[in-house]
Amino acid sequence: MASSKTYLDYILEQLSDLDEISYKAMMGEYIIYYRSKIVGGIYDDRFLVKPVKSAIRLMPSAQFELPYEGAKEMLLVDDIDNKEFLAELFDAMYEELPLPKIKKK
């Protein structure tokens, strides 16, 4: 099942207090970037983030879920209606996220 553009638009609105939020559509789902680093994505209308230490600390009861078959588990963000929490979460996660890989030409 693909994610809806309506759900993506809602998540982007909730993240609108942050600078440099972008996304890329990928096979019916959406990868979410913060300042050029992959933070997570929208999979089957679920907002999932990478399970870095700061995300686990801020969401200790979050469920681990698979974004798709064969992928690594990610954390389900339940509190998508709280813009302040989402900004805090992304800011806390940023330093732990890997730098984007340089594509060879």
N, C-alpha and C. Protein backbone atom coordinates (compact mmCIF):
# COMPACT_ATOMS: atom_id res chain seq x y z
N MET A 1 0.85 -1.19 0.00
CA MET A 1 0.00 0.00 0.00
C MET A 1 0.89 1.24 0.00
N ALA A 2 0.66 2.13 -0.88
CA ALA A 2 1.44 3.37 -0.97
C ALA A 2 0.91 4.41 0.02
N SER A 3 1.76 5.34 0.36
CA SER A 3 1.36 6.44 1.26
C SER A 3 0.66 7.53 0.46
N SER A 4 -0.23 8.23 1.14
CA SER A 4 -0.99 9.28 0.46
C SER A 4 -0.24 10.61 0.49
N LYS A 5 -0.44 11.40 -0.54
CA LYS A 5 0.15 12.74 -0.60
C LYS A 5 -0.44 13.62 0.51
N THR A 6 -1.68 13.37 0.89
CA THR A 6 -2.33 14.11 1.97
C THR A 6 -1.59 13.90 3.29
N TYR A 7 -1.21 12.65 3.58
CA TYR A 7 -0.47 12.35 4.81
C TYR A 7 0.90 13.02 4.76
N LEU A 8 1.58 12.94 3.63
CA LEU A 8 2.87 13.62 3.47
C LEU A 8 2.73 15.11 3.73
N ASP A 9 1.73 15.74 3.12
CA ASP A 9 1.52 17.18 3.30
C ASP A 9 1.28 17.52 4.77
N TYR A 10 0.56 16.66 5.49
CA TYR A 10 0.32 16.91 6.92
C TYR A 10 1.63 16.85 7.71
N ILE A 11 2.43 15.82 7.44
CA ILE A 11 3.72 15.69 8.15
C ILE A 11 4.62 16.88 7.81
N LEU A 12 4.67 17.28 6.56
CA LEU A 12 5.50 18.44 6.18
C LEU A 12 5.03 19.71 6.88
N GLU A 13 3.73 19.87 7.03
CA GLU A 13 3.19 21.02 7.76
C GLU A 13 3.62 20.96 9.23
N GLN A 14 3.59 19.78 9.81
CA GLN A 14 3.99 19.62 11.21
C GLN A 14 5.49 19.90 11.39
N LEU A 15 6.27 19.72 10.35
CA LEU A 15 7.71 19.97 10.40
C LEU A 15 8.08 21.37 9.90
N SER A 16 7.11 22.19 9.62
CA SER A 16 7.35 23.49 8.98
C SER A 16 8.13 24.49 9.84
N ASP A 17 8.26 24.25 11.14
CA ASP A 17 9.06 25.13 12.00
C ASP A 17 10.56 24.90 11.80
N LEU A 18 10.92 23.79 11.16
CA LEU A 18 12.32 23.45 10.92
C LEU A 18 12.76 23.94 9.54
N ASP A 19 14.00 24.37 9.45
CA ASP A 19 14.57 24.75 8.16
C ASP A 19 15.11 23.50 7.46
N GLU A 20 15.15 23.57 6.16
CA GLU A 20 15.77 22.54 5.33
C GLU A 20 15.14 21.16 5.46
N ILE A 21 13.83 21.11 5.51
CA ILE A 21 13.12 19.83 5.42
C ILE A 21 12.82 19.58 3.95
N SER A 22 13.12 18.39 3.50
CA SER A 22 12.80 18.03 2.12
C SER A 22 12.38 16.56 2.09
N TYR A 23 11.92 16.13 0.94
CA TYR A 23 11.51 14.74 0.80
C TYR A 23 11.77 14.28 -0.61
N LYS A 24 11.80 12.96 -0.76
CA LYS A 24 11.95 12.35 -2.08
C LYS A 24 10.95 11.21 -2.16
N ALA A 25 10.16 11.21 -3.22
CA ALA A 25 9.23 10.11 -3.45
C ALA A 25 10.02 8.89 -3.92
N MET A 26 9.68 7.74 -3.35
CA MET A 26 10.38 6.52 -3.72
C MET A 26 9.41 5.34 -3.66
N MET A 27 9.02 4.85 -4.81
CA MET A 27 8.16 3.68 -4.95
C MET A 27 6.88 3.79 -4.11
N GLY A 28 6.21 4.92 -4.17
CA GLY A 28 4.95 5.11 -3.47
C GLY A 28 5.09 5.54 -2.02
N GLU A 29 6.32 5.67 -1.55
CA GLU A 29 6.58 6.11 -0.19
C GLU A 29 7.43 7.38 -0.26
N TYR A 30 7.77 7.95 0.91
CA TYR A 30 8.50 9.22 0.94
C TYR A 30 9.63 9.16 1.95
N ILE A 31 10.83 9.52 1.51
CA ILE A 31 12.00 9.64 2.39
C ILE A 31 12.04 11.09 2.87
N ILE A 32 12.21 11.29 4.18
CA ILE A 32 12.24 12.63 4.76
C ILE A 32 13.68 13.00 5.12
N TYR A 33 14.10 14.18 4.69
CA TYR A 33 15.45 14.68 4.93
C TYR A 33 15.39 15.92 5.82
N TYR A 34 16.37 16.04 6.70
CA TYR A 34 16.55 17.24 7.52
C TYR A 34 17.98 17.69 7.34
N ARG A 35 18.14 18.88 6.76
CA ARG A 35 19.47 19.44 6.48
C ARG A 35 20.33 18.41 5.75
N SER A 36 19.76 17.81 4.73
CA SER A 36 20.39 16.86 3.81
C SER A 36 20.65 15.47 4.38
N LYS A 37 20.26 15.20 5.61
CA LYS A 37 20.43 13.87 6.19
C LYS A 37 19.07 13.17 6.24
N ILE A 38 19.09 11.86 5.97
CA ILE A 38 17.86 11.08 6.04
C ILE A 38 17.49 10.86 7.51
N VAL A 39 16.30 11.33 7.88
CA VAL A 39 15.81 11.17 9.25
C VAL A 39 14.88 9.97 9.33
N GLY A 40 14.10 9.77 8.31
CA GLY A 40 13.14 8.67 8.30
C GLY A 40 12.30 8.74 7.04
N GLY A 41 11.05 8.37 7.19
CA GLY A 41 10.19 8.40 6.02
C GLY A 41 8.75 8.09 6.36
N ILE A 42 7.94 8.15 5.34
CA ILE A 42 6.53 7.83 5.44
C ILE A 42 6.31 6.55 4.65
N TYR A 43 5.84 5.53 5.36
CA TYR A 43 5.63 4.21 4.77
C TYR A 43 4.24 3.74 5.16
N ASP A 44 3.41 3.46 4.17
CA ASP A 44 2.03 3.02 4.42
C ASP A 44 1.32 3.97 5.39
N ASP A 45 1.48 5.26 5.14
CA ASP A 45 0.88 6.31 5.98
C ASP A 45 1.27 6.17 7.46
N ARG A 46 2.51 5.78 7.69
CA ARG A 46 3.10 5.75 9.04
C ARG A 46 4.38 6.58 8.97
N PHE A 47 4.60 7.42 9.97
CA PHE A 47 5.80 8.23 10.04
C PHE A 47 6.82 7.50 10.89
N LEU A 48 7.90 7.03 10.25
CA LEU A 48 8.94 6.27 10.92
C LEU A 48 10.26 7.03 10.87
N VAL A 49 11.04 6.94 11.96
CA VAL A 49 12.36 7.58 12.00
C VAL A 49 13.42 6.54 12.34
N LYS A 50 14.67 6.88 12.02
CA LYS A 50 15.78 5.99 12.32
C LYS A 50 15.91 5.82 13.83
N PRO A 51 16.23 4.62 14.29
CA PRO A 51 16.30 4.36 15.73
C PRO A 51 17.64 4.76 16.36
N VAL A 52 17.99 6.02 16.26
CA VAL A 52 19.22 6.50 16.90
C VAL A 52 18.94 6.71 18.39
N LYS A 53 20.00 6.81 19.19
CA LYS A 53 19.86 6.88 20.65
C LYS A 53 18.95 8.01 21.10
N SER A 54 19.09 9.18 20.50
CA SER A 54 18.28 10.32 20.93
C SER A 54 16.80 10.10 20.65
N ALA A 55 16.48 9.44 19.55
CA ALA A 55 15.07 9.16 19.23
C ALA A 55 14.50 8.15 20.22
N ILE A 56 15.28 7.15 20.57
CA ILE A 56 14.84 6.15 21.55
C ILE A 56 14.65 6.81 22.92
N ARG A 57 15.55 7.73 23.27
CA ARG A 57 15.45 8.44 24.55
C ARG A 57 14.20 9.31 24.60
N LEU A 58 13.88 10.00 23.50
CA LEU A 58 12.71 10.88 23.47
C LEU A 58 11.39 10.13 23.30
N MET A 59 11.48 8.91 22.78
CA MET A 59 10.26 8.10 22.57
C MET A 59 10.49 6.70 23.14
N PRO A 60 10.65 6.59 24.46
CA PRO A 60 11.01 5.29 25.06
C PRO A 60 9.99 4.18 24.85
N SER A 61 8.75 4.51 24.62
CA SER A 61 7.74 3.47 24.42
C SER A 61 7.36 3.30 22.95
N ALA A 62 8.12 3.91 22.07
CA ALA A 62 7.82 3.81 20.63
C ALA A 62 7.99 2.37 20.15
N GLN A 63 7.14 1.99 19.22
CA GLN A 63 7.21 0.66 18.64
C GLN A 63 8.23 0.64 17.51
N PHE A 64 8.95 -0.47 17.42
CA PHE A 64 9.83 -0.70 16.28
C PHE A 64 8.99 -1.36 15.19
N GLU A 65 9.07 -0.81 13.99
CA GLU A 65 8.29 -1.37 12.88
C GLU A 65 9.15 -1.42 11.62
N LEU A 66 8.80 -2.34 10.75
CA LEU A 66 9.48 -2.45 9.46
C LEU A 66 8.81 -1.50 8.46
N PRO A 67 9.58 -0.65 7.81
CA PRO A 67 8.97 0.21 6.80
C PRO A 67 8.47 -0.60 5.60
N TYR A 68 9.20 -1.66 5.26
CA TYR A 68 8.83 -2.56 4.18
C TYR A 68 9.60 -3.85 4.37
N GLU A 69 9.18 -4.89 3.72
CA GLU A 69 9.80 -6.21 3.83
C GLU A 69 11.29 -6.14 3.49
N GLY A 70 12.12 -6.66 4.37
CA GLY A 70 13.56 -6.72 4.13
C GLY A 70 14.32 -5.50 4.62
N ALA A 71 13.64 -4.51 5.16
CA ALA A 71 14.30 -3.29 5.65
C ALA A 71 14.66 -3.44 7.12
N LYS A 72 15.48 -2.51 7.60
CA LYS A 72 15.80 -2.45 9.03
C LYS A 72 14.64 -1.81 9.77
N GLU A 73 14.47 -2.21 11.03
CA GLU A 73 13.39 -1.64 11.83
C GLU A 73 13.62 -0.15 12.08
N MET A 74 12.52 0.56 12.18
CA MET A 74 12.54 1.99 12.48
C MET A 74 11.55 2.25 13.61
N LEU A 75 11.58 3.45 14.16
CA LEU A 75 10.68 3.82 15.25
C LEU A 75 9.44 4.52 14.71
N LEU A 76 8.29 4.09 15.18
CA LEU A 76 7.02 4.71 14.80
C LEU A 76 6.82 5.97 15.64
N VAL A 77 6.60 7.10 14.97
CA VAL A 77 6.33 8.35 15.67
C VAL A 77 4.82 8.46 15.85
N ASP A 78 4.38 8.36 17.10
CA ASP A 78 2.95 8.43 17.41
C ASP A 78 2.47 9.86 17.57
N ASP A 79 3.32 10.73 18.08
CA ASP A 79 2.92 12.09 18.45
C ASP A 79 3.09 13.06 17.27
N ILE A 80 2.46 12.74 16.14
CA ILE A 80 2.65 13.57 14.95
C ILE A 80 1.90 14.89 15.01
N ASP A 81 1.01 15.04 15.98
CA ASP A 81 0.24 16.28 16.09
C ASP A 81 0.97 17.35 16.90
N ASN A 82 2.11 17.02 17.47
CA ASN A 82 2.86 17.93 18.34
C ASN A 82 4.07 18.50 17.59
N LYS A 83 3.89 19.68 17.00
CA LYS A 83 4.96 20.30 16.20
C LYS A 83 6.22 20.54 17.02
N GLU A 84 6.06 20.97 18.28
CA GLU A 84 7.22 21.26 19.12
C GLU A 84 8.02 19.99 19.39
N PHE A 85 7.32 18.89 19.66
CA PHE A 85 8.00 17.62 19.89
C PHE A 85 8.76 17.18 18.64
N LEU A 86 8.13 17.29 17.48
CA LEU A 86 8.79 16.86 16.24
C LEU A 86 10.05 17.68 15.97
N ALA A 87 9.99 18.99 16.23
CA ALA A 87 11.18 19.84 16.05
C ALA A 87 12.28 19.41 17.02
N GLU A 88 11.91 19.15 18.27
CA GLU A 88 12.88 18.69 19.27
C GLU A 88 13.49 17.35 18.85
N LEU A 89 12.65 16.44 18.38
CA LEU A 89 13.11 15.13 17.94
C LEU A 89 14.12 15.25 16.80
N PHE A 90 13.79 16.01 15.78
CA PHE A 90 14.68 16.15 14.63
C PHE A 90 15.99 16.82 15.02
N ASP A 91 15.91 17.87 15.84
CA ASP A 91 17.14 18.55 16.29
C ASP A 91 18.02 17.60 17.10
N ALA A 92 17.42 16.80 17.97
CA ALA A 92 18.18 15.86 18.79
C ALA A 92 18.82 14.77 17.92
N MET A 93 18.12 14.31 16.92
CA MET A 93 18.61 13.22 16.07
C MET A 93 19.72 13.66 15.11
N TYR A 94 19.72 14.92 14.72
CA TYR A 94 20.56 15.39 13.61
C TYR A 94 22.03 14.98 13.75
N GLU A 95 22.64 15.21 14.90
CA GLU A 95 24.07 14.92 15.07
C GLU A 95 24.39 13.43 14.97
N GLU A 96 23.43 12.58 15.29
CA GLU A 96 23.66 11.13 15.25
C GLU A 96 23.45 10.52 13.86
N LEU A 97 22.84 11.26 12.98
CA LEU A 97 22.56 10.73 11.65
C LEU A 97 23.80 10.77 10.78
N PRO A 98 23.98 9.75 9.94
CA PRO A 98 25.16 9.75 9.06
C PRO A 98 25.05 10.81 7.97
N LEU A 99 26.21 11.26 7.52
CA LEU A 99 26.26 12.20 6.41
C LEU A 99 25.78 11.48 5.15
N PRO A 100 25.20 12.24 4.22
CA PRO A 100 24.76 11.61 2.97
C PRO A 100 25.95 11.03 2.21
N LYS A 101 25.72 9.91 1.55
CA LYS A 101 26.77 9.29 0.75
C LYS A 101 26.96 10.08 -0.53
N ILE A 102 28.21 10.25 -0.91
CA ILE A 102 28.54 10.94 -2.14
C ILE A 102 28.38 9.96 -3.30
N LYS A 103 27.57 10.35 -4.28
CA LYS A 103 27.38 9.48 -5.44
C LYS A 103 28.53 9.66 -6.41
N LYS A 104 29.05 8.53 -6.88
CA LYS A 104 30.12 8.56 -7.87
C LYS A 104 29.52 8.81 -9.24
N LYS A 105 30.23 9.58 -10.03
CA LYS A 105 29.74 9.88 -11.38
C LYS A 105 30.31 8.90 -12.39
